[in-house]
Amino acid sequence: MPEHSDPELPPLPYDYDALEPHISEQVLTWHHDTHHQGYVNGLESAEETLAENREAGEFGSSAGAIGNVTHNGCGHYLHTLFWENMDPNGGGEPDGDLADRIEEDFGSYEGWKGEFEAAAGAAGGWALLVYDPVAKQLRNVAVDKHDQGALWGAHPVLALDVWEHSYYYDYGPDRGDFIDNFFEVVDWDEVADQYETAVGHFE
C-alpha cells in the first residue's frame, strides 16, 4: 500500500483572542479546535477507507469515501487559508501588484469589494477571491458547502468562511456585520503572497 502523509490540524498563527473584538476567542476556539479538526479527521478517515478498499478489492463504500475526501479536504484546505488570511494587525487595503491586479480585473478596489461582499452574502459556505489561470485573472467565487461552485484549476488567495458557525455566536443572524468586520483583520500581505505564488506557478 502506498504511503501517504496524514492530514494535520495546523496551529492558529496567532492567539485565540487575538482577533477580538471582530472574532471572539470562543468562536476561534470552537471553529479551529472542533470544526476544522473535524474536517481533518474526516479526510483522514475517508483516505483510510479508500486505501483499505483498494487493498481488499471491495469498492462498495468507495463512492461515499470519495465524496468525503472532497468535502473534508476542501474544508481543511480552505480553513487553513482562512486562518492565514487574517492577522490582528490586518485591515486597510491591498497595495502593490495585488492592488494593481484588483483594479485591472474589477475596475477598482471598491468594485471588487462590493462584488466579494455580494458573494459572501449569497454563499452557503465560502466567499473566495481566486486566481483563474485559464482566463489569467482574479475572480470572486461563491462556494456552497466547501466544494460546490468552485472553479476548476483556480487558486484561492483570500477565503472568507460564512458558515453560521463562523459568526452566529458573535453576530447572531447579521452575517453582513460579520463580513464588514472580517475586513478589519484581513492580512493583505499574506493575500498578496498567495497571489504571487499563484501567478508564479501558472504564468
C-alpha atoms as a PDB file:
ATOM      1  CA  MET A   1       0.000   0.000   0.000  1.00  0.00           C
ATOM      2  CA  PRO A   2       1.478   3.415  -0.930  1.00  0.00           C
ATOM      3  CA  GLU A   3       2.455   5.708   1.914  1.00  0.00           C
ATOM      4  CA  HIS A   4       0.546   8.960   2.372  1.00  0.00           C
ATOM      5  CA  SER A   5       1.161  11.681   4.918  1.00  0.00           C
ATOM      6  CA  ASP A   6      -1.724  12.032   7.345  1.00  0.00           C
ATOM      7  CA  PRO A   7      -3.508  15.400   7.347  1.00  0.00           C
ATOM      8  CA  GLU A   8      -2.830  17.521  10.406  1.00  0.00           C
ATOM      9  CA  LEU A   9      -4.605  20.448  12.014  1.00  0.00           C
ATOM     10  CA  PRO A  10      -2.276  23.443  11.669  1.00  0.00           C
ATOM     11  CA  PRO A  11      -1.976  25.693  14.723  1.00  0.00           C
ATOM     12  CA  LEU A  12      -3.521  29.132  14.541  1.00  0.00           C
ATOM     13  CA  PRO A  13      -0.897  31.702  13.502  1.00  0.00           C
ATOM     14  CA  TYR A  14      -1.985  33.920  16.447  1.00  0.00           C
ATOM     15  CA  ASP A  15      -3.547  33.565  19.894  1.00  0.00           C
ATOM     16  CA  TYR A  16      -7.200  32.581  20.158  1.00  0.00           C
ATOM     17  CA  ASP A  17      -8.149  36.035  21.495  1.00  0.00           C
ATOM     18  CA  ALA A  18      -6.002  37.962  19.021  1.00  0.00           C
ATOM     19  CA  LEU A  19      -8.818  38.873  16.613  1.00  0.00           C
ATOM     20  CA  GLU A  20     -11.169  40.319  19.238  1.00  0.00           C
ATOM     21  CA  PRO A  21     -13.472  42.205  19.100  1.00  0.00           C
ATOM     22  CA  HIS A  22     -14.035  41.204  15.467  1.00  0.00           C
ATOM     23  CA  ILE A  23     -13.961  37.439  16.134  1.00  0.00           C
ATOM     24  CA  SER A  24     -14.195  36.245  19.719  1.00  0.00           C
ATOM     25  CA  GLU A  25     -11.848  33.871  21.485  1.00  0.00           C
ATOM     26  CA  GLN A  26     -14.755  31.470  21.991  1.00  0.00           C
ATOM     27  CA  VAL A  27     -15.599  31.341  18.288  1.00  0.00           C
ATOM     28  CA  LEU A  28     -11.978  30.850  17.251  1.00  0.00           C
ATOM     29  CA  THR A  29     -11.590  28.054  19.798  1.00  0.00           C
ATOM     30  CA  TRP A  30     -14.704  26.219  18.625  1.00  0.00           C
ATOM     31  CA  HIS A  31     -14.074  26.920  14.961  1.00  0.00           C
ATOM     32  CA  HIS A  32     -10.436  25.840  14.905  1.00  0.00           C
ATOM     33  CA  ASP A  33     -10.282  23.109  17.546  1.00  0.00           C
ATOM     34  CA  THR A  34     -13.642  21.458  16.821  1.00  0.00           C
ATOM     35  CA  HIS A  35     -14.857  22.308  13.322  1.00  0.00           C
ATOM     36  CA  HIS A  36     -11.533  22.376  11.498  1.00  0.00           C
ATOM     37  CA  GLN A  37     -10.327  19.318  13.422  1.00  0.00           C
ATOM     38  CA  GLY A  38     -13.477  17.553  12.284  1.00  0.00           C
ATOM     39  CA  TYR A  39     -12.588  18.096   8.623  1.00  0.00           C
ATOM     40  CA  VAL A  40      -9.056  16.843   9.236  1.00  0.00           C
ATOM     41  CA  ASN A  41     -10.431  13.730  10.926  1.00  0.00           C
ATOM     42  CA  GLY A  42     -12.996  13.221   8.166  1.00  0.00           C
ATOM     43  CA  LEU A  43     -10.360  13.489   5.461  1.00  0.00           C
ATOM     44  CA  GLU A  44      -8.072  11.007   7.220  1.00  0.00           C
ATOM     45  CA  SER A  45     -10.923   8.542   7.740  1.00  0.00           C
ATOM     46  CA  ALA A  46     -12.027   8.761   4.108  1.00  0.00           C
ATOM     47  CA  GLU A  47      -8.466   8.242   2.862  1.00  0.00           C
ATOM     48  CA  GLU A  48      -8.135   5.185   5.105  1.00  0.00           C
ATOM     49  CA  THR A  49     -11.395   3.748   3.763  1.00  0.00           C
ATOM     50  CA  LEU A  50     -10.250   4.188   0.166  1.00  0.00           C
ATOM     51  CA  ALA A  51      -6.882   2.581   0.885  1.00  0.00           C
ATOM     52  CA  GLU A  52      -8.499  -0.378   2.649  1.00  0.00           C
ATOM     53  CA  ASN A  53     -10.978  -0.848  -0.193  1.00  0.00           C
ATOM     54  CA  ARG A  54      -8.208  -0.836  -2.805  1.00  0.00           C
ATOM     55  CA  GLU A  55      -6.255  -3.436  -0.859  1.00  0.00           C
ATOM     56  CA  ALA A  56      -9.311  -5.643  -0.361  1.00  0.00           C
ATOM     57  CA  GLY A  57     -10.632  -5.173  -3.888  1.00  0.00           C
ATOM     58  CA  GLU A  58     -14.018  -4.208  -2.429  1.00  0.00           C
ATOM     59  CA  PHE A  59     -15.380  -0.841  -3.532  1.00  0.00           C
ATOM     60  CA  GLY A  60     -18.923  -0.710  -2.172  1.00  0.00           C
ATOM     61  CA  SER A  61     -18.155   2.200   0.164  1.00  0.00           C
ATOM     62  CA  SER A  62     -15.643   3.933  -2.098  1.00  0.00           C
ATOM     63  CA  ALA A  63     -18.062   6.363  -3.768  1.00  0.00           C
ATOM     64  CA  GLY A  64     -19.107   7.769  -0.401  1.00  0.00           C
ATOM     65  CA  ALA A  65     -15.489   7.978   0.739  1.00  0.00           C
ATOM     66  CA  ILE A  66     -14.532   9.851  -2.437  1.00  0.00           C
ATOM     67  CA  GLY A  67     -17.252  12.406  -1.655  1.00  0.00           C
ATOM     68  CA  ASN A  68     -15.934  12.667   1.897  1.00  0.00           C
ATOM     69  CA  VAL A  69     -12.418  13.340   0.597  1.00  0.00           C
ATOM     70  CA  THR A  70     -13.551  16.325  -1.458  1.00  0.00           C
ATOM     71  CA  HIS A  71     -15.872  17.712   1.232  1.00  0.00           C
ATOM     72  CA  ASN A  72     -13.455  17.319   4.130  1.00  0.00           C
ATOM     73  CA  GLY A  73     -10.346  18.015   2.083  1.00  0.00           C
ATOM     74  CA  CYS A  74     -11.724  21.307   0.791  1.00  0.00           C
ATOM     75  CA  GLY A  75     -12.901  22.142   4.308  1.00  0.00           C
ATOM     76  CA  HIS A  76      -9.407  21.520   5.636  1.00  0.00           C
ATOM     77  CA  TYR A  77      -7.623  23.453   2.889  1.00  0.00           C
ATOM     78  CA  LEU A  78      -9.969  26.446   2.949  1.00  0.00           C
ATOM     79  CA  HIS A  79      -9.934  26.743   6.742  1.00  0.00           C
ATOM     80  CA  THR A  80      -6.136  26.704   6.685  1.00  0.00           C
ATOM     81  CA  LEU A  81      -6.160  29.578   4.183  1.00  0.00           C
ATOM     82  CA  PHE A  82      -8.830  31.422   6.204  1.00  0.00           C
ATOM     83  CA  TRP A  83      -6.647  31.431   9.338  1.00  0.00           C
ATOM     84  CA  GLU A  84      -3.608  32.531   7.331  1.00  0.00           C
ATOM     85  CA  ASN A  85      -5.555  35.333   5.646  1.00  0.00           C
ATOM     86  CA  MET A  86      -6.209  37.071   8.985  1.00  0.00           C
ATOM     87  CA  ASP A  87      -3.972  38.925  11.422  1.00  0.00           C
ATOM     88  CA  PRO A  88      -4.622  41.076  14.494  1.00  0.00           C
ATOM     89  CA  ASN A  89      -2.762  43.913  12.735  1.00  0.00           C
ATOM     90  CA  GLY A  90      -4.667  43.459   9.487  1.00  0.00           C
ATOM     91  CA  GLY A  91      -7.168  45.695   7.789  1.00  0.00           C
ATOM     92  CA  GLY A  92      -6.802  48.539   5.325  1.00  0.00           C
ATOM     93  CA  GLU A  93      -6.479  47.849   1.620  1.00  0.00           C
ATOM     94  CA  PRO A  94      -4.059  45.905  -0.564  1.00  0.00           C
ATOM     95  CA  ASP A  95      -1.159  47.618  -2.287  1.00  0.00           C
ATOM     96  CA  GLY A  96       1.500  46.761  -4.840  1.00  0.00           C
ATOM     97  CA  ASP A  97       0.937  44.194  -7.576  1.00  0.00           C
ATOM     98  CA  LEU A  98      -2.182  42.747  -5.924  1.00  0.00           C
ATOM     99  CA  ALA A  99      -3.847  46.162  -5.759  1.00  0.00           C
ATOM    100  CA  ASP A 100      -2.958  46.798  -9.389  1.00  0.00           C
ATOM    101  CA  ARG A 101      -4.390  43.443 -10.440  1.00  0.00           C
ATOM    102  CA  ILE A 102      -7.611  44.023  -8.497  1.00  0.00           C
ATOM    103  CA  GLU A 103      -8.037  47.380 -10.216  1.00  0.00           C
ATOM    104  CA  GLU A 104      -7.303  45.808 -13.616  1.00  0.00           C
ATOM    105  CA  ASP A 105      -9.715  42.904 -13.165  1.00  0.00           C
ATOM    106  CA  PHE A 106     -12.527  44.601 -11.203  1.00  0.00           C
ATOM    107  CA  GLY A 107     -12.186  48.279 -12.138  1.00  0.00           C
ATOM    108  CA  SER A 108     -11.398  49.388  -8.585  1.00  0.00           C
ATOM    109  CA  TYR A 109     -10.921  48.076  -5.069  1.00  0.00           C
ATOM    110  CA  GLU A 110     -14.452  49.220  -4.269  1.00  0.00           C
ATOM    111  CA  GLY A 111     -15.769  47.316  -7.283  1.00  0.00           C
ATOM    112  CA  TRP A 112     -14.001  44.166  -6.135  1.00  0.00           C
ATOM    113  CA  LYS A 113     -15.084  44.540  -2.509  1.00  0.00           C
ATOM    114  CA  GLY A 114     -18.737  45.117  -3.351  1.00  0.00           C
ATOM    115  CA  GLU A 115     -18.773  42.026  -5.538  1.00  0.00           C
ATOM    116  CA  PHE A 116     -16.942  39.941  -2.904  1.00  0.00           C
ATOM    117  CA  GLU A 117     -19.435  41.033  -0.240  1.00  0.00           C
ATOM    118  CA  ALA A 118     -22.283  40.021  -2.555  1.00  0.00           C
ATOM    119  CA  ALA A 119     -20.685  36.579  -2.944  1.00  0.00           C
ATOM    120  CA  ALA A 120     -20.277  36.320   0.835  1.00  0.00           C
ATOM    121  CA  GLY A 121     -23.907  37.251   1.386  1.00  0.00           C
ATOM    122  CA  ALA A 122     -25.153  34.635  -1.072  1.00  0.00           C
ATOM    123  CA  ALA A 123     -22.768  31.739  -0.463  1.00  0.00           C
ATOM    124  CA  GLY A 124     -23.738  28.698   1.539  1.00  0.00           C
ATOM    125  CA  GLY A 125     -20.169  28.158   2.673  1.00  0.00           C
ATOM    126  CA  TRP A 126     -17.379  30.389   1.410  1.00  0.00           C
ATOM    127  CA  ALA A 127     -16.625  33.578  -0.493  1.00  0.00           C
ATOM    128  CA  LEU A 128     -13.308  33.246  -2.294  1.00  0.00           C
ATOM    129  CA  LEU A 129     -11.047  35.515  -4.283  1.00  0.00           C
ATOM    130  CA  VAL A 130      -9.310  33.153  -6.684  1.00  0.00           C
ATOM    131  CA  TYR A 131      -6.743  33.408  -9.433  1.00  0.00           C
ATOM    132  CA  ASP A 132      -8.104  31.813 -12.612  1.00  0.00           C
ATOM    133  CA  PRO A 133      -5.098  30.521 -14.599  1.00  0.00           C
ATOM    134  CA  VAL A 134      -7.161  29.871 -17.737  1.00  0.00           C
ATOM    135  CA  ALA A 135      -8.500  33.412 -18.091  1.00  0.00           C
ATOM    136  CA  LYS A 136      -5.399  34.758 -16.289  1.00  0.00           C
ATOM    137  CA  GLN A 137      -7.421  36.976 -13.972  1.00  0.00           C
ATOM    138  CA  LEU A 138      -8.773  37.264 -10.469  1.00  0.00           C
ATOM    139  CA  ARG A 139     -12.366  36.231  -9.860  1.00  0.00           C
ATOM    140  CA  ASN A 140     -14.790  36.189  -6.939  1.00  0.00           C
ATOM    141  CA  VAL A 141     -16.445  32.832  -6.330  1.00  0.00           C
ATOM    142  CA  ALA A 142     -19.353  31.877  -4.054  1.00  0.00           C
ATOM    143  CA  VAL A 143     -18.952  28.281  -2.869  1.00  0.00           C
ATOM    144  CA  ASP A 144     -21.622  26.190  -1.169  1.00  0.00           C
ATOM    145  CA  LYS A 145     -20.506  23.661   1.440  1.00  0.00           C
ATOM    146  CA  HIS A 146     -16.746  23.501   0.721  1.00  0.00           C
ATOM    147  CA  ASP A 147     -16.668  22.184  -2.806  1.00  0.00           C
ATOM    148  CA  GLN A 148     -19.823  23.157  -4.722  1.00  0.00           C
ATOM    149  CA  GLY A 149     -19.452  26.067  -7.119  1.00  0.00           C
ATOM    150  CA  ALA A 150     -15.659  26.037  -7.192  1.00  0.00           C
ATOM    151  CA  LEU A 151     -13.818  26.866 -10.414  1.00  0.00           C
ATOM    152  CA  TRP A 152     -11.596  24.069 -11.705  1.00  0.00           C
ATOM    153  CA  GLY A 153      -7.910  24.954 -11.612  1.00  0.00           C
ATOM    154  CA  ALA A 154      -8.406  28.229  -9.778  1.00  0.00           C
ATOM    155  CA  HIS A 155      -6.102  29.026  -6.857  1.00  0.00           C
ATOM    156  CA  PRO A 156      -7.813  30.655  -3.833  1.00  0.00           C
ATOM    157  CA  VAL A 157      -5.908  33.647  -2.471  1.00  0.00           C
ATOM    158  CA  LEU A 158      -8.492  35.009   0.014  1.00  0.00           C
ATOM    159  CA  ALA A 159     -11.064  32.902   1.842  1.00  0.00           C
ATOM    160  CA  LEU A 160     -13.986  34.040   3.996  1.00  0.00           C
ATOM    161  CA  ASP A 161     -15.936  31.363   5.858  1.00  0.00           C
ATOM    162  CA  VAL A 162     -19.619  32.308   6.006  1.00  0.00           C
ATOM    163  CA  TRP A 163     -20.958  29.085   7.518  1.00  0.00           C
ATOM    164  CA  GLU A 164     -23.076  30.018  10.535  1.00  0.00           C
ATOM    165  CA  HIS A 165     -20.566  28.504  12.959  1.00  0.00           C
ATOM    166  CA  SER A 166     -18.076  31.209  11.960  1.00  0.00           C
ATOM    167  CA  TYR A 167     -20.207  34.147  13.093  1.00  0.00           C
ATOM    168  CA  TYR A 168     -23.533  33.293  14.757  1.00  0.00           C
ATOM    169  CA  TYR A 169     -22.216  33.275  18.332  1.00  0.00           C
ATOM    170  CA  ASP A 170     -20.738  36.763  17.857  1.00  0.00           C
ATOM    171  CA  TYR A 171     -23.203  38.383  15.472  1.00  0.00           C
ATOM    172  CA  GLY A 172     -26.406  36.381  15.540  1.00  0.00           C
ATOM    173  CA  PRO A 173     -28.103  36.349  12.130  1.00  0.00           C
ATOM    174  CA  ASP A 174     -26.300  39.539  10.992  1.00  0.00           C
ATOM    175  CA  ARG A 175     -23.908  37.990   8.502  1.00  0.00           C
ATOM    176  CA  GLY A 176     -23.324  41.400   6.907  1.00  0.00           C
ATOM    177  CA  ASP A 177     -21.869  42.794  10.136  1.00  0.00           C
ATOM    178  CA  PHE A 178     -19.515  39.813  10.329  1.00  0.00           C
ATOM    179  CA  ILE A 179     -18.414  40.359   6.719  1.00  0.00           C
ATOM    180  CA  ASP A 180     -17.709  44.042   7.452  1.00  0.00           C
ATOM    181  CA  ASN A 181     -15.616  43.103  10.483  1.00  0.00           C
ATOM    182  CA  PHE A 182     -13.674  40.475   8.541  1.00  0.00           C
ATOM    183  CA  PHE A 183     -12.112  43.281   6.523  1.00  0.00           C
ATOM    184  CA  GLU A 184     -10.734  44.756   9.751  1.00  0.00           C
ATOM    185  CA  VAL A 185      -8.456  41.713  10.174  1.00  0.00           C
ATOM    186  CA  VAL A 186      -7.536  40.754   6.599  1.00  0.00           C
ATOM    187  CA  ASP A 187      -3.773  40.344   6.267  1.00  0.00           C
ATOM    188  CA  TRP A 188      -3.233  41.801   2.818  1.00  0.00           C
ATOM    189  CA  ASP A 189       0.464  40.927   2.844  1.00  0.00           C
ATOM    190  CA  GLU A 190      -0.461  37.250   3.184  1.00  0.00           C
ATOM    191  CA  VAL A 191      -3.111  37.551   0.469  1.00  0.00           C
ATOM    192  CA  ALA A 192      -0.505  39.181  -1.780  1.00  0.00           C
ATOM    193  CA  ASP A 193       1.881  36.279  -1.099  1.00  0.00           C
ATOM    194  CA  GLN A 194      -0.843  33.807  -2.102  1.00  0.00           C
ATOM    195  CA  TYR A 195      -1.465  35.807  -5.270  1.00  0.00           C
ATOM    196  CA  GLU A 196       2.215  35.962  -6.171  1.00  0.00           C
ATOM    197  CA  THR A 197       2.533  32.208  -5.628  1.00  0.00           C
ATOM    198  CA  ALA A 198      -0.426  31.539  -7.922  1.00  0.00           C
ATOM    199  CA  VAL A 199       0.787  33.837 -10.661  1.00  0.00           C
ATOM    200  CA  GLY A 200       4.335  32.484 -10.407  1.00  0.00           C
ATOM    201  CA  HIS A 201       3.052  28.927 -10.695  1.00  0.00           C
ATOM    202  CA  PHE A 202       0.659  29.418 -13.557  1.00  0.00           C
ATOM    203  CA  GLU A 203       2.123  32.218 -15.685  1.00  0.00           C
END
